[in-house]
Structures are given as C-alpha cells and as structure tokens.
Amino acid sequence: MWVIGVAVYAGLLAGCVERRYVITSNPPGAAVYRNGQFIGLTPVDDQFVYYGNYHFTIRKDGYATLQVNQPIPTPWYEYWPLDFISENLVPGHVENVHYFDYTLQPLPQPNIPELLNEAQVLRSKGKAIGPPPAPPPPPGPCDQR
C-alpha cells in the first residue's frame, strides 16, 4: 500500500521544464520561418524540444531577408544525469525562455532616372546590332546526295 502512496506523491511532485523562445524584430510584423516552417509574425513565441542550432528566416516586404543560424545552448540542469532530476523530481515548473531580437535592413530604393537612362542605353545598343541573319532554307528533296 505504501508503494502506491509513494508513486502518487512522486507523481504530484513531478517537475516540468518548458523550453521556448521569443523572437522580436525591428520593424515588427516580419514573417518568421524555423527550419523552413512558418511559425508566425514577430513578435512570435514558440516551443522547442531539443537544444542546438535552429535556422531562422525572417522576411518583411521592403526589407532584406535575414537568414540566421541561432544556437540555443543547453543549461546546466539539462545535462545527464541532472536532466532526469530537473524534469521528473524537482517539484514545480521550470521555464527556459530564450529571447532573440533581429534588426532588418531596408532594401535600397532604386534611382529611377538613372535606371531609365541605363535602359535607354541598352535599348540603343540592341537596335545597333540589327536583326539576326535569316536561317538557311531547309534542304529540298533534290538537294540530298
């Protein structure tokens, strides 16, 4: 009977480690992809299971796309054998939250008059080349030998 009591007591004391990260950006409202999967618009909050490197892609119209390989380090209490204790025996809830803030760079605005001038120069060069030569006519039935 005491075994059941110990099991219930241990179950009530069971700990929990919540792993998550929060991504913010300047400007806010950028689309965030984790390892190619869309997770939301900044500010975005998501959970993860494993520590290590995650690849984030951050996109927003009018700004350069940002590619980031973000390491998420393992805390001391998540190494073996302490991980068993922190996740199963320590009473309460442990939050492991990582905050990442990224600044997006605006795309350069093209100089419209300069761009139109370059287009006109290329158009003039193309016209100076002239039309391509006509292809030779296909051989007729009498031309084959």
Protein backbone atom coordinates (compact mmCIF):
# COMPACT_ATOMS: atom_id res chain seq x y z
CA MET A 1 0.00 0.00 0.00
CA TRP A 2 2.86 2.37 0.78
CA VAL A 3 4.21 1.80 -2.76
CA ILE A 4 1.04 3.32 -4.23
CA GLY A 5 1.35 6.27 -1.84
CA VAL A 6 4.95 6.89 -2.86
CA ALA A 7 4.02 6.66 -6.55
CA VAL A 8 1.17 9.17 -6.15
CA TYR A 9 3.40 11.51 -4.13
CA ALA A 10 6.18 11.28 -6.74
CA GLY A 11 3.63 11.97 -9.49
CA LEU A 12 2.43 15.08 -7.69
CA LEU A 13 5.98 16.30 -7.24
CA ALA A 14 6.95 15.65 -10.86
CA GLY A 15 8.65 18.63 -12.40
CA CYS A 16 8.30 20.09 -15.82
CA VAL A 17 10.74 22.02 -17.98
CA GLU A 18 9.16 24.30 -20.58
CA ARG A 19 11.52 25.22 -23.43
CA ARG A 20 10.58 28.17 -25.60
CA TYR A 21 11.96 31.17 -27.41
CA VAL A 22 10.58 34.59 -28.26
CA ILE A 23 11.61 36.30 -31.50
CA THR A 24 11.17 40.03 -32.00
CA SER A 25 12.21 42.16 -34.94
CA ASN A 26 12.71 45.77 -35.84
CA PRO A 27 10.39 46.54 -37.57
CA PRO A 28 7.75 44.25 -36.04
CA GLY A 29 5.41 42.12 -38.14
CA ALA A 30 8.07 40.16 -40.04
CA ALA A 31 7.33 36.57 -41.06
CA VAL A 32 9.48 34.03 -39.22
CA TYR A 33 10.33 30.56 -40.52
CA ARG A 34 12.08 27.96 -38.35
CA ASN A 35 13.93 25.36 -40.41
CA GLY A 36 11.67 26.25 -43.36
CA GLN A 37 8.34 26.06 -41.46
CA PHE A 38 6.31 29.25 -40.94
CA ILE A 39 5.80 29.90 -37.22
CA GLY A 40 4.22 33.38 -37.22
CA LEU A 41 4.75 37.13 -37.38
CA THR A 42 7.01 38.93 -34.94
CA PRO A 43 6.77 39.09 -32.04
CA VAL A 44 6.43 35.29 -32.11
CA ASP A 45 6.69 32.76 -29.30
CA ASP A 46 7.29 29.05 -29.94
CA GLN A 47 8.32 25.94 -28.05
CA PHE A 48 11.23 23.65 -28.86
CA VAL A 49 12.21 20.16 -27.75
CA TYR A 50 15.95 19.94 -28.36
CA TYR A 51 18.81 22.33 -27.67
CA GLY A 52 21.18 23.06 -30.52
CA ASN A 53 21.14 25.13 -33.71
CA TYR A 54 17.97 26.36 -35.36
CA HIS A 55 17.79 28.10 -38.72
CA PHE A 56 15.51 31.15 -38.78
CA THR A 57 14.46 33.06 -41.89
CA ILE A 58 12.93 36.50 -41.24
CA ARG A 59 11.13 38.29 -44.09
CA LYS A 60 9.24 41.54 -44.48
CA ASP A 61 8.28 43.48 -47.61
CA GLY A 62 10.67 46.35 -48.27
CA TYR A 63 13.45 44.77 -46.18
CA ALA A 64 16.30 42.37 -46.94
CA THR A 65 15.58 38.76 -45.96
CA LEU A 66 17.60 37.73 -42.91
CA GLN A 67 18.99 34.18 -42.58
CA VAL A 68 20.14 33.29 -39.06
CA ASN A 69 21.70 30.11 -37.63
CA GLN A 70 20.77 30.58 -33.99
CA PRO A 71 22.34 28.35 -31.33
CA ILE A 72 20.23 27.59 -28.26
CA PRO A 73 22.63 26.43 -25.54
CA THR A 74 21.83 23.66 -23.10
CA PRO A 75 21.53 24.89 -19.48
CA TRP A 76 23.48 23.11 -16.75
CA TYR A 77 20.41 21.35 -15.31
CA GLU A 78 19.64 19.69 -18.65
CA TYR A 79 22.84 17.60 -18.84
CA TRP A 80 22.77 13.93 -17.89
CA PRO A 81 22.06 12.83 -15.11
CA LEU A 82 20.73 16.16 -13.82
CA ASP A 83 18.11 16.27 -16.59
CA PHE A 84 16.26 13.33 -15.04
CA ILE A 85 16.10 15.15 -11.71
CA SER A 86 15.08 18.54 -13.15
CA GLU A 87 12.39 17.08 -15.39
CA ASN A 88 10.97 14.42 -13.07
CA LEU A 89 11.80 15.00 -9.44
CA VAL A 90 12.07 18.75 -8.84
CA PRO A 91 8.63 20.00 -7.87
CA GLY A 92 7.20 22.88 -9.81
CA HIS A 93 7.55 24.31 -13.25
CA VAL A 94 10.86 25.43 -14.77
CA GLU A 95 10.73 27.86 -17.69
CA ASN A 96 13.71 28.08 -20.01
CA VAL A 97 12.98 31.07 -22.28
CA HIS A 98 15.40 32.48 -24.85
CA TYR A 99 14.87 35.95 -26.36
CA PHE A 100 16.16 36.79 -29.85
CA ASP A 101 15.88 40.25 -31.41
CA TYR A 102 16.78 40.87 -35.05
CA THR A 103 17.02 44.13 -36.99
CA LEU A 104 16.05 44.03 -40.66
CA GLN A 105 17.85 46.25 -43.16
CA PRO A 106 15.69 48.27 -45.59
CA LEU A 107 16.16 47.50 -49.27
CA PRO A 108 17.86 50.29 -51.20
CA GLN A 109 15.48 52.36 -53.31
CA PRO A 110 16.45 52.46 -56.99
CA ASN A 111 17.35 55.78 -58.61
CA ILE A 112 14.54 55.87 -61.21
CA PRO A 113 16.07 58.45 -63.62
CA GLU A 114 19.40 56.60 -63.61
CA LEU A 115 17.65 53.26 -64.14
CA LEU A 116 15.66 54.65 -67.11
CA ASN A 117 18.85 56.11 -68.61
CA GLU A 118 20.62 52.71 -68.38
CA ALA A 119 17.61 51.06 -70.03
CA GLN A 120 17.71 53.55 -72.90
CA VAL A 121 21.47 52.93 -73.43
CA LEU A 122 20.90 49.16 -73.56
CA ARG A 123 17.95 49.60 -75.94
CA SER A 124 20.13 51.70 -78.28
CA LYS A 125 22.92 49.07 -78.23
CA GLY A 126 20.35 46.36 -79.04
CA LYS A 127 18.98 48.31 -82.02
CA ALA A 128 22.54 48.91 -83.34
CA ILE A 129 23.15 45.16 -83.54
CA GLY A 130 20.36 44.74 -86.12
CA PRO A 131 18.14 41.77 -86.75
CA PRO A 132 19.63 38.28 -86.71
CA PRO A 133 20.52 36.77 -90.11
CA ALA A 134 17.84 34.64 -91.75
CA PRO A 135 18.37 30.90 -91.32
CA PRO A 136 19.27 28.96 -94.48
CA PRO A 137 16.31 27.29 -96.17
CA PRO A 138 15.82 23.62 -95.36
CA PRO A 139 17.22 21.24 -97.95
CA GLY A 140 14.78 20.14 -100.62
CA PRO A 141 14.28 16.55 -101.82
CA CYS A 142 16.61 17.08 -104.79
CA ASP A 143 19.42 18.60 -102.66
CA GLN A 144 20.12 15.34 -100.81
CA ARG A 145 23.07 13.33 -102.11
